[in-house]
């Protein structure tokens, strides 16, 4: 464990725009990591790059002080101006040995994420590792590290409630919609084609809703989303004349005033007296208060969702104690696994040596005596030798593991 190191640049200390200057594109990753291994005593390495962090996980006997990190960034050849280089060096976080392993486990379990409990980080770390493994930058040691990282993260997500309660407004809004048990052919008006509405529409589309009408000020964006959803696109101005009815309105625009007033809402109803669903994710709200007060609606709006999100985030933080306990247990277990693997590697020559001794005995030292045996006797001798060979291989391995594992 003493050679595991992590050089980390994260949202905790660096603004996201500056962090982007450290992101390595797929096309140049191999050449940059080859430079590192050619110029520095780094035996295994993989790179993690997400919107919130850039990290390098590697093995080296070198102490990862400021001088080493400077050499590391220089060898990467990112073309950083001097002022950025200095800023990154002042805000880098370096982890060594067991602390590095603990950091990697905490990160994979999303304890270090902007939003605690988001599972995406585990998939991102796995993919980052697999890409570098396939390119030949990692070996047996990093394989063991990552096996334990994945195992630990799965245990945290399975045995704690750290990811159970959604904390994004979009996922909470979708959950509220799902609770209303809308039928699959519900007529859904989407007002605004920005990221928020795109995300909630994709949730709905994924769960077999398909009757979408999309309105947006920039018509091309409405067209793009409509094509993805299999719906119809309209310019925002066409909302005034829309008379095809609706069951659900999902709205999120950048307007500073309410878009849906009583007059427009009455036109959209077109005489329909049924109870409707309105999801208003805009700040300020897109729907005028009078529409909600004077009509039968299920109203889902962003402020109430944010309150639920705050409670859910607090519940996730309450689960940190359980997650930390799982991580601690896995670190302890890993030391035992690591010791056993070291024995296996140290004794991997034993089977070959024993086979050589057996072959020398059968075909050299005792060849004449064996040649004078009858067929049945030679078969018995062969079985005895094979049995002895297996025992001579397995018994020392088991004993060595027990001795090493039981050492304090």
Protein backbone atom coordinates (compact mmCIF):
# COMPACT_ATOMS: atom_id res chain seq x y z
CA UNK A 1 0.00 0.00 0.00
CA UNK A 2 2.98 2.32 0.56
CA UNK A 3 3.34 3.07 -3.17
CA UNK A 4 -0.27 4.09 -3.94
CA UNK A 5 -0.57 7.84 -4.65
CA UNK A 6 -3.33 10.19 -5.83
CA UNK A 7 -2.87 13.70 -7.23
CA UNK A 8 -6.29 15.36 -7.09
CA UNK A 9 -7.68 18.62 -8.42
CA UNK A 10 -11.33 18.96 -7.37
CA UNK A 11 -14.28 21.32 -7.01
CA UNK A 12 -13.42 21.66 -3.31
CA UNK A 13 -10.45 23.94 -4.10
CA UNK A 14 -10.61 24.92 -7.80
CA UNK A 15 -13.41 26.60 -9.73
CA UNK A 16 -14.91 24.39 -12.42
CA UNK A 17 -13.89 26.65 -15.29
CA UNK A 18 -10.21 26.46 -14.30
CA UNK A 19 -10.55 22.74 -13.67
CA UNK A 20 -11.48 22.30 -17.32
CA UNK A 21 -7.93 23.26 -18.34
CA UNK A 22 -6.68 20.02 -16.77
CA UNK A 23 -9.11 17.73 -18.57
CA UNK A 24 -7.32 15.42 -21.03
CA UNK A 25 -9.16 14.45 -24.22
CA UNK A 26 -9.33 10.77 -25.16
CA UNK A 27 -7.16 11.28 -28.24
CA UNK A 28 -4.16 12.56 -26.27
CA UNK A 29 -4.54 10.56 -23.05
CA UNK A 30 -2.33 7.63 -24.12
CA UNK A 31 0.57 9.82 -25.22
CA UNK A 32 0.44 11.94 -22.06
CA UNK A 33 0.40 8.93 -19.72
CA UNK A 34 3.23 7.33 -21.72
CA UNK A 35 5.23 10.50 -21.14
CA UNK A 36 4.63 10.19 -17.40
CA UNK A 37 5.78 6.56 -17.32
CA UNK A 38 8.79 7.32 -19.51
CA UNK A 39 9.97 10.32 -17.50
CA UNK A 40 8.94 9.43 -13.95
CA UNK A 41 9.22 6.24 -11.81
CA UNK A 42 5.50 5.44 -12.18
CA UNK A 43 4.72 1.76 -12.71
CA UNK A 44 0.92 1.87 -12.98
CA UNK A 45 -1.40 4.82 -13.58
CA UNK A 46 -4.93 5.77 -14.52
CA UNK A 47 -6.65 9.11 -15.02
CA UNK A 48 -10.08 10.25 -13.80
CA UNK A 49 -11.65 13.26 -15.47
CA UNK A 50 -15.19 14.45 -14.64
CA UNK A 51 -16.91 17.84 -14.52
CA UNK A 52 -15.97 18.13 -10.82
CA UNK A 53 -12.54 16.53 -10.59
CA UNK A 54 -9.32 15.62 -12.36
CA UNK A 55 -7.29 12.95 -10.58
CA UNK A 56 -4.29 10.74 -11.30
CA UNK A 57 -4.08 7.43 -9.43
CA UNK A 58 -0.68 5.78 -9.68
CA UNK A 59 2.08 3.74 -8.07
CA UNK A 60 5.50 5.19 -7.29
CA UNK A 61 8.20 4.87 -4.64
CA UNK A 62 8.79 8.63 -4.89
CA UNK A 63 7.51 11.03 -2.26
CA UNK A 64 4.79 13.11 -3.92
CA UNK A 65 5.86 16.53 -2.68
CA UNK A 66 5.44 19.83 -4.53
CA UNK A 67 8.59 19.17 -6.58
CA UNK A 68 7.22 15.83 -7.75
CA UNK A 69 3.80 17.28 -8.62
CA UNK A 70 5.51 20.08 -10.58
CA UNK A 71 7.51 17.51 -12.56
CA UNK A 72 4.34 15.46 -13.05
CA UNK A 73 2.35 18.38 -14.51
CA UNK A 74 5.32 19.45 -16.63
CA UNK A 75 5.71 15.97 -18.11
CA UNK A 76 1.98 15.84 -18.88
CA UNK A 77 2.65 18.79 -21.18
CA UNK A 78 -0.80 20.38 -20.83
CA UNK A 79 0.44 23.72 -22.16
CA UNK A 80 -0.57 25.53 -18.97
CA UNK A 81 0.41 29.23 -18.70
CA UNK A 82 2.68 29.91 -15.67
CA UNK A 83 -0.11 31.58 -13.69
CA UNK A 84 -2.35 28.52 -14.06
CA UNK A 85 0.47 26.14 -13.21
CA UNK A 86 1.07 28.04 -9.97
CA UNK A 87 -2.64 28.12 -9.16
CA UNK A 88 -2.97 24.36 -9.62
CA UNK A 89 0.13 23.67 -7.55
CA UNK A 90 -1.27 25.82 -4.74
CA UNK A 91 -4.60 24.01 -4.79
CA UNK A 92 -3.62 20.40 -5.45
CA UNK A 93 -4.47 17.70 -2.93
CA UNK A 94 -2.04 14.79 -2.66
CA UNK A 95 -2.88 11.49 -1.00
CA UNK A 96 -0.35 8.81 -0.18
CA UNK A 97 -0.53 5.16 0.86
CA UNK A 98 -3.56 4.21 3.00
CA UNK A 99 -4.88 7.78 2.81
CA UNK A 100 -4.85 7.49 -1.00
CA UNK A 101 -6.80 4.22 -0.82
CA UNK A 102 -9.31 5.74 1.60
CA UNK A 103 -9.77 8.75 -0.71
CA UNK A 104 -10.37 6.48 -3.71
CA UNK A 105 -12.99 4.50 -1.77
CA UNK A 106 -14.71 7.65 -0.48
CA UNK A 107 -14.78 9.12 -3.98
CA UNK A 108 -16.25 5.98 -5.56
CA UNK A 109 -18.95 5.93 -2.86
CA UNK A 110 -19.75 9.60 -3.72
CA UNK A 111 -18.81 10.84 -0.25
CA UNK A 112 -16.56 13.41 -1.96
CA UNK A 113 -19.10 14.43 -4.63
CA UNK A 114 -20.91 17.74 -4.96
CA UNK A 115 -24.10 15.80 -4.26
CA UNK A 116 -23.51 12.99 -1.78
CA UNK A 117 -25.09 9.72 -2.90
CA UNK A 118 -24.96 10.22 -6.67
CA UNK A 119 -23.95 6.86 -8.19
CA UNK A 120 -22.55 8.21 -11.47
CA UNK A 121 -19.06 8.68 -10.00
CA UNK A 122 -18.55 4.91 -9.55
CA UNK A 123 -19.32 4.29 -13.23
CA UNK A 124 -17.00 7.14 -14.20
CA UNK A 125 -14.11 5.78 -12.11
CA UNK A 126 -14.62 2.25 -13.45
CA UNK A 127 -14.63 3.44 -17.04
CA UNK A 128 -11.54 5.59 -16.46
CA UNK A 129 -9.69 2.62 -14.97
CA UNK A 130 -10.82 0.19 -17.69
CA UNK A 131 -9.70 2.55 -20.45
CA UNK A 132 -6.21 2.81 -18.95
CA UNK A 133 -6.10 -0.91 -18.17
CA UNK A 134 -6.95 -1.78 -21.78
CA UNK A 135 -4.22 0.60 -22.94
CA UNK A 136 -1.67 -1.20 -20.75
CA UNK A 137 -1.13 1.49 -18.11
CA UNK A 138 -2.22 -0.63 -15.13
CA UNK A 139 -1.35 -4.07 -13.83
CA UNK A 140 -2.09 -6.58 -11.08
CA UNK A 141 -1.82 -4.19 -8.14
CA UNK A 142 -4.23 -1.63 -9.57
CA UNK A 143 -6.58 -4.48 -10.53
CA UNK A 144 -6.78 -5.48 -6.86
CA UNK A 145 -7.31 -1.87 -5.80
CA UNK A 146 -10.19 -1.43 -8.25
CA UNK A 147 -11.80 -4.76 -7.34
CA UNK A 148 -11.98 -3.50 -3.77
CA UNK A 149 -13.18 -0.03 -4.84
CA UNK A 150 -16.11 -1.52 -6.76
CA UNK A 151 -16.95 -3.98 -3.96
CA UNK A 152 -16.95 -1.22 -1.34
CA UNK A 153 -19.09 1.16 -3.38
CA UNK A 154 -21.67 -1.53 -4.09
CA UNK A 155 -21.87 -2.34 -0.37
CA UNK A 156 -22.36 1.33 0.52
CA UNK A 157 -25.10 1.82 -2.07
CA UNK A 158 -26.79 -1.47 -1.08
CA UNK A 159 -26.55 -1.36 2.72
CA UNK A 160 -27.05 2.36 3.41
CA UNK A 161 -29.69 4.89 2.39
CA UNK A 162 -27.07 7.28 1.02
CA UNK A 163 -28.52 7.21 -2.50
CA UNK A 164 -32.11 6.21 -1.78
CA UNK A 165 -33.81 9.61 -1.72
CA UNK A 166 -33.50 11.78 -4.86
CA UNK A 167 -32.10 15.27 -4.42
CA UNK A 168 -32.35 16.80 -7.90
CA UNK A 169 -35.41 18.88 -8.74
CA UNK A 170 -35.91 16.94 -11.98
CA UNK A 171 -35.91 13.50 -10.35
CA UNK A 172 -38.21 14.72 -7.56
CA UNK A 173 -40.62 16.24 -10.09
CA UNK A 174 -40.69 13.01 -12.05
CA UNK A 175 -41.36 11.04 -8.86
CA UNK A 176 -44.31 13.34 -8.07
CA UNK A 177 -45.68 12.80 -11.57
CA UNK A 178 -45.26 9.06 -11.23
CA UNK A 179 -47.28 9.09 -8.00
CA UNK A 180 -50.24 10.55 -9.94
CA UNK A 181 -50.44 7.37 -12.09
CA UNK A 182 -50.93 9.20 -15.37
CA UNK A 183 -51.93 7.02 -18.30
CA UNK A 184 -49.38 6.40 -21.04
CA UNK A 185 -51.15 8.48 -23.67
CA UNK A 186 -51.48 11.59 -21.47
CA UNK A 187 -51.21 14.79 -23.54
CA UNK A 188 -48.09 16.60 -22.28
CA UNK A 189 -47.32 20.23 -23.11
CA UNK A 190 -43.68 21.14 -22.59
CA UNK A 191 -43.02 24.88 -22.47
CA UNK A 192 -39.32 25.64 -22.78
CA UNK A 193 -36.71 23.32 -24.28
CA UNK A 194 -33.82 24.02 -21.90
CA UNK A 195 -31.82 21.44 -19.96
CA UNK A 196 -34.34 21.06 -17.10
CA UNK A 197 -37.27 20.28 -19.41
CA UNK A 198 -35.08 18.10 -21.61
CA UNK A 199 -34.15 15.97 -18.61
CA UNK A 200 -37.67 15.53 -17.25
CA UNK A 201 -39.00 14.83 -20.76
CA UNK A 202 -36.39 12.11 -21.21
CA UNK A 203 -37.49 10.54 -17.92
CA UNK A 204 -41.07 10.47 -19.18
CA UNK A 205 -40.14 9.21 -22.63
CA UNK A 206 -38.06 6.44 -21.09
CA UNK A 207 -41.17 5.32 -19.19
CA UNK A 208 -43.29 5.07 -22.34
CA UNK A 209 -44.93 8.49 -22.44
CA UNK A 210 -44.97 9.71 -26.03
CA UNK A 211 -47.67 12.35 -26.59
CA UNK A 212 -45.54 15.51 -26.38
CA UNK A 213 -46.08 19.04 -27.72
CA UNK A 214 -43.01 21.22 -27.26
CA UNK A 215 -43.09 25.02 -27.29
CA UNK A 216 -39.96 27.15 -27.25
CA UNK A 217 -38.96 30.71 -28.12
CA UNK A 218 -36.13 29.37 -30.32
CA UNK A 219 -38.05 27.04 -32.62
CA UNK A 220 -35.01 24.97 -33.64
CA UNK A 221 -34.54 23.84 -30.02
CA UNK A 222 -38.19 22.79 -29.84
CA UNK A 223 -37.70 20.85 -33.07
CA UNK A 224 -34.61 19.09 -31.76
CA UNK A 225 -36.35 17.96 -28.54
CA UNK A 226 -39.53 16.98 -30.41
CA UNK A 227 -37.51 14.81 -32.76
CA UNK A 228 -35.87 13.04 -29.85
CA UNK A 229 -39.20 12.45 -28.11
CA UNK A 230 -41.30 11.73 -31.17
CA UNK A 231 -43.47 14.76 -30.43
CA UNK A 232 -44.55 17.97 -32.19
CA UNK A 233 -42.65 21.26 -32.11
CA UNK A 234 -44.15 24.77 -31.98
CA UNK A 235 -42.80 28.30 -31.55
CA UNK A 236 -43.70 29.76 -28.15
CA UNK A 237 -46.02 32.29 -29.77
CA UNK A 238 -48.21 29.42 -31.06
CA UNK A 239 -49.23 28.59 -27.49
CA UNK A 240 -51.97 31.25 -27.73
CA UNK A 241 -53.72 29.32 -30.50
CA UNK A 242 -53.11 25.75 -29.32
CA UNK A 243 -56.50 23.98 -29.10
CA UNK A 244 -55.63 20.27 -29.00
CA UNK A 245 -56.06 20.00 -25.24
CA UNK A 246 -53.67 18.73 -22.56
CA UNK A 247 -53.44 16.65 -19.42
CA UNK A 248 -50.06 17.85 -18.15
CA UNK A 249 -48.13 21.11 -18.51
CA UNK A 250 -44.41 21.05 -17.78
CA UNK A 251 -42.91 24.53 -17.93
CA UNK A 252 -39.48 25.99 -17.30
CA UNK A 253 -38.45 29.15 -19.13
CA UNK A 254 -36.22 32.12 -18.40
CA UNK A 255 -39.11 34.57 -18.45
CA UNK A 256 -39.19 37.16 -15.67
CA UNK A 257 -43.01 37.22 -15.74
CA UNK A 258 -45.67 34.53 -15.69
CA UNK A 259 -46.21 33.02 -19.14
CA UNK A 260 -49.42 31.19 -18.30
CA UNK A 261 -52.05 33.62 -17.02
CA UNK A 262 -55.75 32.94 -16.51
CA UNK A 263 -56.73 33.98 -20.02
CA UNK A 264 -54.16 31.76 -21.72
CA UNK A 265 -54.94 28.84 -19.40
CA UNK A 266 -58.64 29.09 -20.26
CA UNK A 267 -57.77 28.98 -23.97
CA UNK A 268 -55.58 25.91 -23.45
CA UNK A 269 -58.39 24.16 -21.54
CA UNK A 270 -60.72 24.78 -24.47
CA UNK A 271 -63.76 24.02 -22.30
CA UNK A 272 -62.26 20.98 -20.56
CA UNK A 273 -63.33 20.88 -16.88
CA UNK A 274 -61.08 17.99 -15.77
CA UNK A 275 -58.33 18.27 -13.16
CA UNK A 276 -54.93 18.93 -14.76
CA UNK A 277 -51.31 18.57 -13.70
CA UNK A 278 -48.93 21.53 -13.82
CA UNK A 279 -45.19 21.11 -13.20
CA UNK A 280 -43.65 24.57 -12.89
CA UNK A 281 -39.86 24.36 -12.55
CA UNK A 282 -39.14 28.00 -13.43
CA UNK A 283 -37.83 30.67 -11.06
CA UNK A 284 -39.76 32.94 -10.95
CA UNK A 285 -42.74 30.71 -11.68
CA UNK A 286 -44.13 30.55 -15.21
CA UNK A 287 -47.70 30.04 -13.96
CA UNK A 288 -49.66 32.92 -12.44
CA UNK A 289 -50.96 32.24 -8.87
CA UNK A 290 -54.54 32.91 -9.98
CA UNK A 291 -54.39 29.91 -12.35
CA UNK A 292 -53.63 27.64 -9.43
CA UNK A 293 -56.19 29.19 -7.09
CA UNK A 294 -59.09 29.24 -9.53
CA UNK A 295 -58.71 25.90 -11.31
CA UNK A 296 -58.61 22.24 -10.28
CA UNK A 297 -54.93 21.33 -10.65
CA UNK A 298 -52.21 19.17 -9.17
CA UNK A 299 -49.49 21.82 -8.85
CA UNK A 300 -45.85 20.78 -8.57
CA UNK A 301 -43.48 23.72 -8.23
CA UNK A 302 -39.78 24.16 -7.68
CA UNK A 303 -39.76 25.66 -4.16
CA UNK A 304 -41.63 22.74 -2.59
CA UNK A 305 -39.36 20.32 -4.46
CA UNK A 306 -36.30 22.15 -3.16
CA UNK A 307 -37.54 21.73 0.39
CA UNK A 308 -37.88 17.97 -0.16
CA UNK A 309 -34.42 17.95 -1.73
CA UNK A 310 -32.93 19.68 1.34
CA UNK A 311 -34.48 17.08 3.64
CA UNK A 312 -33.23 14.25 1.43
CA UNK A 313 -29.72 15.69 1.37
CA UNK A 314 -29.74 15.81 5.18
CA UNK A 315 -30.85 12.18 5.32
CA UNK A 316 -28.01 11.26 2.98
CA UNK A 317 -25.51 13.02 5.20
CA UNK A 318 -26.90 11.10 8.17
CA UNK A 319 -25.88 7.92 6.35
CA UNK A 320 -22.23 8.97 6.17
CA UNK A 321 -21.44 7.22 9.45
CA UNK A 322 -22.61 3.86 8.06
CA UNK A 323 -20.75 4.44 4.80
CA UNK A 324 -17.53 5.31 6.63
CA UNK A 325 -17.84 2.09 8.66
CA UNK A 326 -18.17 -0.01 5.48
CA UNK A 327 -15.13 1.73 3.99
CA UNK A 328 -13.08 1.14 7.14
CA UNK A 329 -13.97 -2.57 7.17
CA UNK A 330 -13.01 -2.92 3.52
CA UNK A 331 -9.64 -1.26 4.09
CA UNK A 332 -8.92 -3.74 6.90
CA UNK A 333 -10.01 -6.69 4.73
CA UNK A 334 -7.94 -5.45 1.82
CA UNK A 335 -4.72 -5.55 3.82
CA UNK A 336 -5.33 -9.28 4.38
CA UNK A 337 -6.10 -9.84 0.68
CA UNK A 338 -2.99 -7.89 -0.28
CA UNK A 339 -0.78 -10.01 1.98
CA UNK A 340 -2.17 -13.20 0.45
CA UNK A 341 -1.57 -11.90 -3.05
CA UNK A 342 2.03 -11.06 -2.18
CA UNK A 343 2.53 -14.67 -1.04
CA UNK A 344 1.01 -15.94 -4.30
CA UNK A 345 3.34 -13.76 -6.35
CA UNK A 346 6.37 -14.63 -4.24
CA UNK A 347 5.68 -18.36 -4.55
CA UNK A 348 4.50 -18.45 -8.17
CA UNK A 349 7.74 -20.24 -9.14
CA UNK A 350 7.09 -23.10 -6.70
CA UNK A 351 4.81 -25.17 -9.02
CA UNK A 352 7.28 -24.95 -11.90
CA UNK A 353 10.24 -25.94 -9.72
CA UNK A 354 8.39 -28.94 -8.28
CA UNK A 355 7.40 -30.12 -11.77
CA UNK A 356 11.04 -29.88 -12.80
CA UNK A 357 12.11 -32.00 -9.78
CA UNK A 358 9.46 -34.61 -10.58
CA UNK A 359 10.46 -34.81 -14.25
CA UNK A 360 14.15 -35.08 -13.34
CA UNK A 361 13.37 -37.91 -10.91
CA UNK A 362 11.21 -39.83 -13.40
CA UNK A 363 13.22 -39.26 -16.55
CA UNK A 364 16.75 -38.97 -15.13
CA UNK A 365 17.69 -40.07 -11.62
CA UNK A 366 15.38 -43.10 -11.45
CA UNK A 367 14.81 -43.67 -15.17
CA UNK A 368 16.56 -47.09 -15.27
CA UNK A 369 14.69 -48.46 -12.25
CA UNK A 370 11.37 -47.22 -13.57
CA UNK A 371 12.00 -48.77 -16.99
CA UNK A 372 12.24 -52.20 -15.34
CA UNK A 373 8.79 -51.86 -13.72
CA UNK A 374 5.71 -53.42 -15.23
CA UNK A 375 2.91 -51.23 -16.63
CA UNK A 376 0.72 -51.40 -13.51
CA UNK A 377 3.58 -50.44 -11.19
CA UNK A 378 4.53 -47.47 -13.37
CA UNK A 379 0.89 -46.26 -13.30
CA UNK A 380 0.82 -46.47 -9.49
CA UNK A 381 4.12 -44.61 -9.26
CA UNK A 382 2.81 -41.89 -11.61
CA UNK A 383 -0.31 -41.43 -9.48
CA UNK A 384 1.76 -41.23 -6.30
CA UNK A 385 4.09 -38.66 -7.86
CA UNK A 386 1.17 -36.55 -9.11
CA UNK A 387 -0.41 -36.64 -5.65
CA UNK A 388 2.84 -35.63 -4.01
CA UNK A 389 3.33 -32.85 -6.55
CA UNK A 390 -0.05 -31.30 -5.73
CA UNK A 391 0.59 -31.50 -2.00
CA UNK A 392 4.06 -30.04 -2.27
CA UNK A 393 2.53 -27.11 -4.15
CA UNK A 394 -0.59 -26.47 -2.05
CA UNK A 395 0.61 -27.13 1.52
CA UNK A 396 3.47 -24.59 1.55
CA UNK A 397 1.20 -21.99 -0.11
CA UNK A 398 -1.52 -22.44 2.53
CA UNK A 399 0.98 -22.41 5.41
CA UNK A 400 2.73 -19.31 4.09
CA UNK A 401 -0.58 -17.45 3.73
CA UNK A 402 -1.65 -18.39 7.27
CA UNK A 403 1.66 -17.27 8.74
CA UNK A 404 1.63 -13.94 6.93
CA UNK A 405 -2.04 -13.16 7.47
CA UNK A 406 -1.81 -13.93 11.19
CA UNK A 407 1.16 -11.63 11.66
CA UNK A 408 0.17 -8.47 13.58
